Amino acid sequence: MSGAGFVEPGESMEEAVRRELWEEVSLKVGTVTYHATQPWPFPSSLMLGCYAQALSRDFEIDGHEIGAARWLTRDEVRARLADRIEDEMKLPVTIAIAHYLIKDWANG
């Protein structure tokens, strides 16, 4: 899953990742690890990329911020990155940190 959100005052990065995933897709996650940053064009903002370990495969999209979600295997992601699968699902653009995280995970 790939999502975006903001860290609330008094909240750790790890807590923010857990909260955002819960709010957006009702997914409970345990371990959250920092992976990378990305330049962000807005003042007083920083884009962080993290990995989170899902505690189950069950999720439910919120229908507002997230329109669709699904689990993919590493092989499926590699095929999508190589443009071997074409359907309605699009990966994030290559300049997005989400794309970098997905590509790194698929090749890890």
Protein backbone atom coordinates (compact mmCIF):
# COMPACT_ATOMS: atom_id res chain seq x y z
CA MET A 1 0.00 0.00 0.00
CA SER A 2 1.13 3.47 -0.66
CA GLY A 3 -0.40 6.46 1.04
CA ALA A 4 0.32 10.00 2.07
CA GLY A 5 -0.50 12.10 5.08
CA PHE A 6 0.75 14.52 7.66
CA VAL A 7 2.31 14.09 11.07
CA GLU A 8 0.04 15.68 13.67
CA PRO A 9 1.50 17.79 16.52
CA GLY A 10 2.82 15.48 19.26
CA GLU A 11 2.73 12.44 16.98
CA SER A 12 5.77 10.39 15.98
CA MET A 13 6.46 9.48 12.36
CA GLU A 14 5.64 5.85 13.13
CA GLU A 15 2.34 6.80 14.78
CA ALA A 16 1.45 8.95 11.77
CA VAL A 17 2.05 6.06 9.36
CA ARG A 18 -0.12 3.75 11.47
CA ARG A 19 -2.89 6.36 11.79
CA GLU A 20 -2.90 7.26 8.09
CA LEU A 21 -3.08 3.62 6.97
CA TRP A 22 -5.90 3.01 9.44
CA GLU A 23 -7.81 6.12 8.32
CA GLU A 24 -7.37 5.49 4.59
CA VAL A 25 -7.76 1.71 4.30
CA SER A 26 -8.57 0.41 7.82
CA LEU A 27 -5.26 -1.48 7.78
CA LYS A 28 -3.54 -2.22 11.06
CA VAL A 29 0.25 -2.20 10.88
CA GLY A 30 2.97 -2.98 13.37
CA THR A 31 6.61 -2.20 12.70
CA VAL A 32 7.21 1.03 10.76
CA THR A 33 10.67 1.77 9.40
CA TYR A 34 12.00 4.92 7.78
CA HIS A 35 13.46 4.42 4.29
CA ALA A 36 14.04 7.69 2.39
CA THR A 37 13.09 11.33 1.89
CA GLN A 38 12.05 13.29 -1.18
CA PRO A 39 12.35 17.01 -1.86
CA TRP A 40 9.01 18.73 -1.34
CA PRO A 41 8.22 22.17 -2.82
CA PHE A 42 6.26 23.49 0.16
CA PRO A 43 7.85 25.37 3.07
CA SER A 44 8.11 23.68 6.47
CA SER A 45 7.34 20.28 4.92
CA LEU A 46 9.32 17.10 4.43
CA MET A 47 8.31 14.02 2.45
CA LEU A 48 9.26 10.82 4.27
CA GLY A 49 9.08 7.34 2.81
CA CYS A 50 8.44 4.47 5.21
CA TYR A 51 7.71 0.77 5.10
CA ALA A 52 5.05 -0.67 7.40
CA GLN A 53 4.41 -4.29 8.22
CA ALA A 54 0.75 -5.21 7.86
CA LEU A 55 -0.71 -7.19 10.76
CA SER A 56 -3.30 -8.75 8.43
CA ARG A 57 -4.27 -8.71 4.76
CA ASP A 58 -7.71 -7.30 5.56
CA PHE A 59 -8.41 -3.71 4.54
CA GLU A 60 -11.31 -1.49 3.51
CA ILE A 61 -10.84 1.67 1.47
CA ASP A 62 -12.28 4.93 2.78
CA GLY A 63 -13.74 5.93 -0.61
CA HIS A 64 -12.60 9.55 -0.17
CA GLU A 65 -8.80 9.74 -0.26
CA ILE A 66 -8.36 6.23 -1.66
CA GLY A 67 -10.46 5.01 -4.56
CA ALA A 68 -8.98 1.53 -4.97
CA ALA A 69 -6.44 -0.72 -3.27
CA ARG A 70 -5.18 -4.26 -3.62
CA TRP A 71 -2.30 -6.49 -2.59
CA LEU A 72 0.35 -7.31 -5.18
CA THR A 73 3.18 -9.82 -5.15
CA ARG A 74 6.74 -8.78 -5.94
CA ASP A 75 6.45 -10.57 -9.29
CA GLU A 76 3.28 -8.63 -10.14
CA VAL A 77 4.94 -5.33 -9.24
CA ARG A 78 8.02 -6.18 -11.31
CA ALA A 79 5.77 -6.98 -14.28
CA ARG A 80 3.96 -3.65 -13.89
CA LEU A 81 7.25 -1.77 -13.61
CA ALA A 82 8.35 -3.42 -16.88
CA ASP A 83 5.01 -2.50 -18.53
CA ARG A 84 4.08 -6.17 -18.99
CA ILE A 85 0.67 -5.67 -17.37
CA GLU A 86 -1.75 -3.06 -18.65
CA ASP A 87 -5.06 -2.49 -16.93
CA GLU A 88 -6.82 0.27 -15.01
CA MET A 89 -4.22 0.25 -12.21
CA LYS A 90 -1.41 2.76 -12.60
CA LEU A 91 1.75 2.91 -10.50
CA PRO A 92 2.85 6.29 -9.15
CA VAL A 93 4.92 8.42 -11.51
CA THR A 94 8.68 7.83 -11.44
CA ILE A 95 9.47 11.13 -9.68
CA ALA A 96 7.25 10.22 -6.70
CA ILE A 97 8.71 8.70 -3.56
CA ALA A 98 5.86 6.16 -3.68
CA HIS A 99 7.23 4.87 -7.00
CA TYR A 100 10.73 4.62 -5.52
CA LEU A 101 9.43 2.70 -2.48
CA ILE A 102 7.42 0.30 -4.63
CA LYS A 103 10.36 -0.33 -6.98
CA ASP A 104 12.77 -0.82 -4.07
CA TRP A 105 10.40 -3.27 -2.36
CA ALA A 106 9.81 -5.24 -5.59
CA ASN A 107 13.53 -5.61 -6.22
CA GLY A 108 14.44 -6.27 -2.57
